[in-house]
Every structure is written in C-alpha cells, then in structure tokens.
Amino acid sequence: MNVSSSVNFANQDLRNRSFHGQNLKGANFSSCDLRGCDFSYAQLKGANFERVRTGQT
C-alpha cells in the first residue's frame, strides 16, 4: 500500500504500526506516538517528526 505524500498523522497514537516500504515523503508525524513502529525501507524525505515519541513499547 502506498501512501500519499500529503498524509497528516499529526497528534495520533500510531504505536506498533508498520510503514514498511511505504512512500511517506512529506508526511506529517508531528506530536505522534511512534513507539514500536517499523519504518524500514520507507521513503521519508521531507517528513516532519517534530515532538514525536519514539522507542520500544
């Protein structure tokens, strides 16, 4: 599944989601909880990761 580059995930709880291989160029992840997420092989150029929570769950 490819995701549009204009996706706005801001302020969401996205724990343990897989974004493996997805096109997330320019996506907005600001203030998200990304603990346990898989971004392997994802395209993240220009993505916004300000104030995110990361690490293991």
Protein backbone atom coordinates (compact mmCIF):
# COMPACT_ATOMS: atom_id res chain seq x y z
CA MET A 1 0.00 0.00 0.00
CA ASN A 2 1.45 3.35 -0.98
CA VAL A 3 0.53 6.42 1.00
CA SER A 4 0.13 9.88 -0.47
CA SER A 5 2.86 12.34 0.42
CA SER A 6 0.31 14.76 1.85
CA VAL A 7 -0.72 12.43 4.67
CA ASN A 8 -1.22 14.13 8.03
CA PHE A 9 -0.72 11.82 11.01
CA ALA A 10 -0.24 14.70 13.48
CA ASN A 11 -1.18 14.10 17.13
CA GLN A 12 -2.09 10.43 16.64
CA ASP A 13 -1.23 7.27 18.52
CA LEU A 14 0.44 5.13 15.86
CA ARG A 15 2.18 2.66 18.18
CA ASN A 16 3.33 -0.64 16.67
CA ARG A 17 2.24 0.19 13.12
CA SER A 18 4.16 -0.96 10.08
CA PHE A 19 5.03 1.59 7.43
CA HIS A 20 7.45 -0.85 5.79
CA GLY A 21 8.32 0.23 2.25
CA GLN A 22 5.68 2.94 2.05
CA ASN A 23 6.07 6.30 0.36
CA LEU A 24 5.74 8.79 3.21
CA LYS A 25 7.56 11.70 1.56
CA GLY A 26 6.42 14.93 3.18
CA ALA A 27 4.14 13.19 5.68
CA ASN A 28 3.41 14.99 8.93
CA PHE A 29 4.05 12.91 12.06
CA SER A 30 4.36 15.85 14.47
CA SER A 31 3.49 15.06 18.09
CA CYS A 32 2.73 11.40 17.27
CA ASP A 33 3.46 8.38 19.39
CA LEU A 34 5.60 6.24 17.10
CA ARG A 35 6.89 3.75 19.65
CA GLY A 36 7.37 0.34 18.10
CA CYS A 37 6.73 1.48 14.51
CA ASP A 38 8.51 -0.12 11.57
CA PHE A 39 9.79 2.40 9.03
CA SER A 40 12.20 0.03 7.30
CA TYR A 41 12.60 0.79 3.60
CA ALA A 42 10.02 3.62 3.87
CA GLN A 43 10.60 6.79 1.88
CA LEU A 44 10.65 9.60 4.44
CA LYS A 45 12.26 12.54 2.65
CA GLY A 46 10.78 15.78 3.95
CA ALA A 47 8.65 14.06 6.60
CA ASN A 48 8.00 16.04 9.78
CA PHE A 49 8.94 14.23 13.00
CA GLU A 50 8.83 17.17 15.43
CA ARG A 51 7.96 16.28 19.04
CA VAL A 52 7.34 12.57 18.33
CA ARG A 53 7.60 9.82 20.92
CA THR A 54 9.89 7.01 19.82
CA GLY A 55 11.38 3.84 21.23
CA GLN A 56 10.02 0.49 22.22
CA THR A 57 6.56 -0.16 23.58
